[in-house]
């Protein structure tokens, strides 16, 4: 099992919400790299039990369907070894991204040429769109497995409320493993060692944030496929992109373990996603590559102009 497969049990239900959520953005609406939309405060009555609210929210998330709305967005990935920034554009085949900065510095001419060559190779490959669609389908199937198991995998209890500038008042729920839960697949085995809190929007029945920690070592396939060490932490937060679409805006992970008994796993990273803005609908991959190159050219010209501007 690869390290990404080990992490999928943690992240799939959040990463998938972004791709499966129905979008209906208003013209010109966007959010900043670490900001959200305007608050919409509503206080419908809470279900009698936290478990029932979780079940309602998960059912609603699974009902979300994709639409033709597409977006540009920027992802900043921070690790102990440095920082990378990529710009993505969504297409009907999936999202395609271009590296635009390393450690907050624009790419050199050589790095830009290398990135352009990589994208051109993908766009010219007739098999690449099929590969993206296949990956998207497999991801959605994996997401469904993870999401459907959540209401049964944990014991939930209400833990107060938190104010949100974007959502108004959110419901905080504490969760811990359900000792009677029998994982139906390898992906959900991780639930046996996870506890934490989640924030939910009761008005729209949406999952907004999860903060979780591994309270015990988690083995995959009796440890043959690997394990995650006790003490691992992760945090995932979503924001509204449009009135009916959410996307992951922050992901933070600190995880250690082993893959296939021999290979060490040590992940310490944070991803911040933002600068969402509408993209042209029905872009082909070749068109998306050209759009990303054009965006990068405009950015380079702007940065060049800024560097030549006289100091005030």
Protein backbone atom coordinates (compact mmCIF):
# COMPACT_ATOMS: atom_id res chain seq x y z
CA UNK A 1 0.00 0.00 0.00
CA UNK A 2 1.35 3.44 -0.94
CA UNK A 3 1.49 6.32 1.54
CA UNK A 4 -1.32 8.03 -0.37
CA UNK A 5 -3.51 4.96 0.09
CA UNK A 6 -2.84 5.00 3.83
CA UNK A 7 -3.88 8.65 3.97
CA UNK A 8 -6.97 8.16 1.86
CA UNK A 9 -8.91 6.79 4.80
CA UNK A 10 -8.41 10.13 6.54
CA UNK A 11 -8.97 12.50 3.67
CA UNK A 12 -11.19 11.01 1.01
CA UNK A 13 -14.50 12.22 2.38
CA UNK A 14 -13.19 15.81 2.48
CA UNK A 15 -11.31 15.83 -0.80
CA UNK A 16 -14.28 14.29 -2.51
CA UNK A 17 -16.80 16.81 -1.26
CA UNK A 18 -15.01 19.44 -3.34
CA UNK A 19 -15.32 17.45 -6.56
CA UNK A 20 -18.84 16.14 -5.92
CA UNK A 21 -20.48 19.22 -4.41
CA UNK A 22 -23.09 20.98 -6.53
CA UNK A 23 -21.96 24.47 -7.52
CA UNK A 24 -24.11 27.45 -8.38
CA UNK A 25 -21.73 30.39 -8.07
CA UNK A 26 -22.87 33.89 -8.79
CA UNK A 27 -21.07 35.80 -11.53
CA UNK A 28 -17.72 37.16 -10.32
CA UNK A 29 -17.99 35.74 -6.80
CA UNK A 30 -14.71 34.45 -5.36
CA UNK A 31 -12.96 33.84 -2.06
CA UNK A 32 -9.40 34.68 -1.03
CA UNK A 33 -6.66 32.20 -0.23
CA UNK A 34 -7.65 31.95 3.40
CA UNK A 35 -11.01 33.73 3.46
CA UNK A 36 -14.64 32.76 3.09
CA UNK A 37 -17.92 34.17 1.86
CA UNK A 38 -20.47 36.22 3.77
CA UNK A 39 -22.25 34.77 6.77
CA UNK A 40 -25.64 33.12 6.44
CA UNK A 41 -27.04 32.65 9.92
CA UNK A 42 -29.90 30.25 10.41
CA UNK A 43 -30.91 28.32 13.51
CA UNK A 44 -33.21 25.41 12.68
CA UNK A 45 -33.92 23.02 15.55
CA UNK A 46 -31.24 20.43 16.18
CA UNK A 47 -32.02 16.72 15.95
CA UNK A 48 -32.42 15.13 19.36
CA UNK A 49 -29.12 13.26 19.06
CA UNK A 50 -25.77 14.21 17.56
CA UNK A 51 -25.72 10.86 15.76
CA UNK A 52 -28.89 11.81 13.89
CA UNK A 53 -27.41 15.14 12.78
CA UNK A 54 -24.28 13.39 11.54
CA UNK A 55 -26.40 10.91 9.61
CA UNK A 56 -28.42 13.73 8.02
CA UNK A 57 -25.27 15.64 7.07
CA UNK A 58 -23.61 12.57 5.54
CA UNK A 59 -26.75 11.71 3.58
CA UNK A 60 -26.83 15.26 2.23
CA UNK A 61 -23.15 15.18 1.27
CA UNK A 62 -23.67 11.93 -0.63
CA UNK A 63 -26.60 13.44 -2.53
CA UNK A 64 -24.57 16.33 -3.90
CA UNK A 65 -24.12 16.10 -7.66
CA UNK A 66 -21.56 17.76 -9.92
CA UNK A 67 -22.54 20.61 -12.21
CA UNK A 68 -21.02 22.41 -15.17
CA UNK A 69 -19.55 25.17 -12.99
CA UNK A 70 -15.74 25.09 -13.11
CA UNK A 71 -13.14 27.03 -11.15
CA UNK A 72 -9.58 28.18 -11.03
CA UNK A 73 -7.92 27.84 -7.64
CA UNK A 74 -4.47 28.06 -6.06
CA UNK A 75 -2.94 25.48 -3.70
CA UNK A 76 -0.01 26.32 -1.42
CA UNK A 77 1.71 23.25 0.02
CA UNK A 78 4.01 23.83 3.00
CA UNK A 79 6.42 21.19 4.30
CA UNK A 80 9.59 21.32 6.44
CA UNK A 81 11.62 21.20 3.20
CA UNK A 82 9.90 24.19 1.60
CA UNK A 83 6.79 25.51 -0.11
CA UNK A 84 5.23 24.98 -3.53
CA UNK A 85 2.36 26.91 -5.09
CA UNK A 86 0.27 25.52 -7.93
CA UNK A 87 -2.62 26.97 -9.92
CA UNK A 88 -5.34 24.57 -11.03
CA UNK A 89 -8.21 24.79 -13.49
CA UNK A 90 -11.11 22.35 -13.55
CA UNK A 91 -12.13 20.60 -16.77
CA UNK A 92 -14.75 18.00 -17.57
CA UNK A 93 -12.00 15.35 -17.32
CA UNK A 94 -10.68 16.62 -14.01
CA UNK A 95 -8.47 19.35 -12.56
CA UNK A 96 -5.07 20.06 -14.09
CA UNK A 97 -2.43 22.15 -12.33
CA UNK A 98 0.71 24.13 -13.07
CA UNK A 99 3.54 24.91 -10.66
CA UNK A 100 3.83 28.71 -10.38
CA UNK A 101 6.12 29.35 -7.40
CA UNK A 102 8.66 27.68 -5.13
CA UNK A 103 9.25 29.14 -1.68
CA UNK A 104 7.22 32.21 -2.70
CA UNK A 105 9.57 32.85 -5.62
CA UNK A 106 8.39 32.70 -9.26
CA UNK A 107 9.80 29.92 -11.43
CA UNK A 108 13.02 30.52 -13.32
CA UNK A 109 12.92 30.41 -17.12
CA UNK A 110 14.30 26.87 -17.04
CA UNK A 111 11.71 25.73 -14.49
CA UNK A 112 8.92 27.28 -16.57
CA UNK A 113 10.11 25.46 -19.68
CA UNK A 114 10.15 22.17 -17.78
CA UNK A 115 6.64 22.75 -16.43
CA UNK A 116 5.32 23.73 -19.87
CA UNK A 117 6.84 20.59 -21.39
CA UNK A 118 5.18 18.43 -18.74
CA UNK A 119 1.76 19.95 -19.38
CA UNK A 120 2.12 19.78 -23.15
CA UNK A 121 3.01 16.11 -22.89
CA UNK A 122 -0.12 15.44 -20.87
CA UNK A 123 -2.33 17.42 -23.25
CA UNK A 124 -0.93 15.59 -26.28
CA UNK A 125 -1.40 12.14 -24.74
CA UNK A 126 -4.72 10.68 -25.99
CA UNK A 127 -4.80 8.35 -22.99
CA UNK A 128 -4.41 11.10 -20.40
CA UNK A 129 -8.12 12.19 -20.35
CA UNK A 130 -9.13 8.56 -19.86
CA UNK A 131 -6.65 8.28 -17.01
CA UNK A 132 -8.07 11.37 -15.30
CA UNK A 133 -11.65 10.14 -15.66
CA UNK A 134 -10.67 6.72 -14.34
CA UNK A 135 -8.93 8.27 -11.33
CA UNK A 136 -11.96 10.47 -10.65
CA UNK A 137 -14.34 7.51 -10.80
CA UNK A 138 -12.15 5.42 -8.49
CA UNK A 139 -11.85 8.35 -6.07
CA UNK A 140 -15.63 8.80 -5.97
CA UNK A 141 -16.14 5.09 -5.28
CA UNK A 142 -13.54 5.24 -2.53
CA UNK A 143 -15.17 8.35 -1.06
CA UNK A 144 -18.55 6.67 -0.91
CA UNK A 145 -17.09 3.79 1.08
CA UNK A 146 -15.51 6.15 3.59
CA UNK A 147 -18.44 8.52 3.94
CA UNK A 148 -21.13 5.87 4.31
CA UNK A 149 -19.27 4.28 7.21
CA UNK A 150 -18.87 7.45 9.29
CA UNK A 151 -22.25 7.48 11.11
CA UNK A 152 -21.72 3.89 12.29
CA UNK A 153 -17.98 4.13 12.98
CA UNK A 154 -18.19 6.62 15.86
CA UNK A 155 -20.12 7.58 18.96
CA UNK A 156 -21.17 11.23 18.72
CA UNK A 157 -22.20 13.80 21.29
CA UNK A 158 -23.02 17.49 21.10
CA UNK A 159 -20.21 19.71 22.37
CA UNK A 160 -21.56 23.25 22.04
CA UNK A 161 -21.47 25.76 19.19
CA UNK A 162 -18.90 27.94 17.44
CA UNK A 163 -19.43 31.20 15.57
CA UNK A 164 -18.25 31.38 11.98
CA UNK A 165 -17.93 34.54 9.88
CA UNK A 166 -19.01 32.54 6.85
CA UNK A 167 -21.61 30.10 8.14
CA UNK A 168 -23.00 31.87 11.17
CA UNK A 169 -23.30 29.49 14.10
CA UNK A 170 -21.91 25.98 13.69
CA UNK A 171 -22.66 22.91 15.75
CA UNK A 172 -19.64 21.29 17.39
CA UNK A 173 -19.74 17.51 17.79
CA UNK A 174 -17.25 15.35 19.62
CA UNK A 175 -16.64 11.83 18.33
CA UNK A 176 -14.83 8.70 19.49
CA UNK A 177 -14.59 5.17 18.07
CA UNK A 178 -17.63 2.93 18.30
CA UNK A 179 -16.37 -0.33 19.84
CA UNK A 180 -19.15 -2.24 18.06
CA UNK A 181 -18.13 -0.99 14.60
CA UNK A 182 -16.89 -3.73 12.27
CA UNK A 183 -14.96 -2.10 9.40
CA UNK A 184 -16.42 -3.31 6.08
CA UNK A 185 -13.19 -2.60 4.20
CA UNK A 186 -9.51 -1.80 4.72
CA UNK A 187 -10.03 1.94 4.32
CA UNK A 188 -12.30 2.25 7.32
CA UNK A 189 -10.01 0.35 9.70
CA UNK A 190 -8.47 3.70 10.61
CA UNK A 191 -11.69 4.74 12.34
CA UNK A 192 -10.92 2.39 15.24
CA UNK A 193 -8.10 4.67 16.38
CA UNK A 194 -9.50 8.12 15.65
CA UNK A 195 -11.24 10.66 17.84
CA UNK A 196 -11.76 14.40 17.75
CA UNK A 197 -14.32 17.08 16.94
CA UNK A 198 -16.23 18.21 13.88
CA UNK A 199 -18.15 21.35 13.00
CA UNK A 200 -21.39 21.13 11.06
CA UNK A 201 -23.75 23.60 9.47
CA UNK A 202 -27.15 22.49 10.72
CA UNK A 203 -29.01 24.88 8.41
CA UNK A 204 -27.58 23.46 5.18
CA UNK A 205 -26.57 20.07 6.59
CA UNK A 206 -22.93 20.43 5.54
CA UNK A 207 -19.69 19.23 7.08
CA UNK A 208 -17.35 22.19 7.65
CA UNK A 209 -14.36 21.07 9.71
CA UNK A 210 -12.77 18.04 11.34
CA UNK A 211 -9.93 18.00 13.85
CA UNK A 212 -8.83 14.46 14.70
CA UNK A 213 -6.06 12.55 16.40
CA UNK A 214 -5.00 8.91 16.42
CA UNK A 215 -5.29 7.70 19.99
CA UNK A 216 -3.82 4.30 19.19
CA UNK A 217 -1.72 2.66 16.50
CA UNK A 218 -3.76 1.66 13.46
CA UNK A 219 -2.75 -1.43 11.49
CA UNK A 220 -3.76 -2.20 7.93
CA UNK A 221 -4.07 -5.89 7.08
CA UNK A 222 -2.78 -7.00 10.51
CA UNK A 223 0.18 -4.67 9.94
CA UNK A 224 1.27 -6.39 6.74
CA UNK A 225 0.23 -3.44 4.55
CA UNK A 226 1.46 -0.89 7.05
CA UNK A 227 0.44 1.08 10.09
CA UNK A 228 -0.05 4.62 11.38
CA UNK A 229 1.49 5.54 14.73
CA UNK A 230 -0.43 6.73 17.75
CA UNK A 231 -0.41 10.53 18.05
CA UNK A 232 -0.93 11.35 14.40
CA UNK A 233 -3.02 14.47 13.81
CA UNK A 234 -4.92 16.01 10.97
CA UNK A 235 -7.21 18.97 10.43
CA UNK A 236 -9.39 19.69 7.42
CA UNK A 237 -11.57 22.74 6.84
CA UNK A 238 -13.95 23.64 4.06
CA UNK A 239 -15.22 26.99 2.80
CA UNK A 240 -18.00 28.08 0.50
CA UNK A 241 -17.00 28.72 -3.08
CA UNK A 242 -20.55 29.54 -4.15
CA UNK A 243 -24.05 29.33 -2.67
CA UNK A 244 -24.22 25.53 -3.06
CA UNK A 245 -20.61 24.48 -3.37
CA UNK A 246 -17.93 23.87 -0.78
CA UNK A 247 -14.25 23.18 -1.24
CA UNK A 248 -11.33 22.25 0.97
CA UNK A 249 -9.56 25.46 2.01
CA UNK A 250 -7.12 24.04 4.58
CA UNK A 251 -5.57 20.65 5.20
CA UNK A 252 -2.96 19.96 7.86
CA UNK A 253 -1.36 16.58 8.59
CA UNK A 254 1.26 15.20 10.93
CA UNK A 255 1.47 11.43 10.55
CA UNK A 256 4.12 8.79 11.02
CA UNK A 257 4.12 5.05 10.44
CA UNK A 258 5.29 2.41 8.02
CA UNK A 259 4.26 1.16 4.60
CA UNK A 260 4.56 -2.58 3.88
CA UNK A 261 6.52 -3.05 7.13
CA UNK A 262 9.76 -1.63 5.71
CA UNK A 263 9.24 1.88 4.33
CA UNK A 264 8.92 4.66 6.90
CA UNK A 265 6.06 7.12 6.59
CA UNK A 266 6.65 10.65 7.90
CA UNK A 267 4.26 13.36 6.76
CA UNK A 268 4.25 16.91 8.10
CA UNK A 269 2.51 19.27 5.73
CA UNK A 270 -0.13 21.92 5.34
CA UNK A 271 -2.12 22.83 2.24
CA UNK A 272 -4.02 26.08 1.83
CA UNK A 273 -6.44 26.30 -1.09
CA UNK A 274 -8.04 29.54 -2.18
CA UNK A 275 -8.34 32.26 -4.83
CA UNK A 276 -11.34 30.44 -6.28
CA UNK A 277 -12.74 32.14 -9.35
CA UNK A 278 -14.98 30.94 -12.19
CA UNK A 279 -13.30 29.21 -15.13
CA UNK A 280 -14.64 28.79 -18.68
CA UNK A 281 -16.97 25.79 -18.97
CA UNK A 282 -16.13 22.64 -20.95
CA UNK A 283 -12.42 23.33 -21.41
CA UNK A 284 -10.48 20.54 -23.09
CA UNK A 285 -7.20 19.57 -21.48
CA UNK A 286 -5.27 21.26 -24.30
CA UNK A 287 -7.29 24.45 -23.79
CA UNK A 288 -6.76 24.26 -20.02
CA UNK A 289 -2.99 24.00 -20.52
CA UNK A 290 -3.00 27.10 -22.73
CA UNK A 291 -5.12 29.00 -20.21
CA UNK A 292 -2.71 28.11 -17.40
CA UNK A 293 0.28 29.17 -19.50
CA UNK A 294 -1.43 32.46 -20.31
CA UNK A 295 -2.20 33.05 -16.65
CA UNK A 296 1.44 32.40 -15.76
CA UNK A 297 2.65 34.77 -18.49
CA UNK A 298 0.43 37.55 -17.17
CA UNK A 299 1.72 36.91 -13.65
CA UNK A 300 5.33 37.04 -14.83
CA UNK A 301 4.73 40.34 -16.64
CA UNK A 302 3.07 41.79 -13.54
CA UNK A 303 5.95 40.66 -11.29
CA UNK A 304 8.48 42.08 -13.75
CA UNK A 305 6.67 45.41 -13.72
CA UNK A 306 6.53 45.42 -9.94
CA UNK A 307 10.26 44.75 -9.69
CA UNK A 308 11.05 47.67 -12.01
CA UNK A 309 8.78 50.13 -10.25
CA UNK A 310 10.68 52.86 -8.40
CA UNK A 311 10.66 52.62 -4.64
CA UNK A 312 8.44 55.10 -2.86
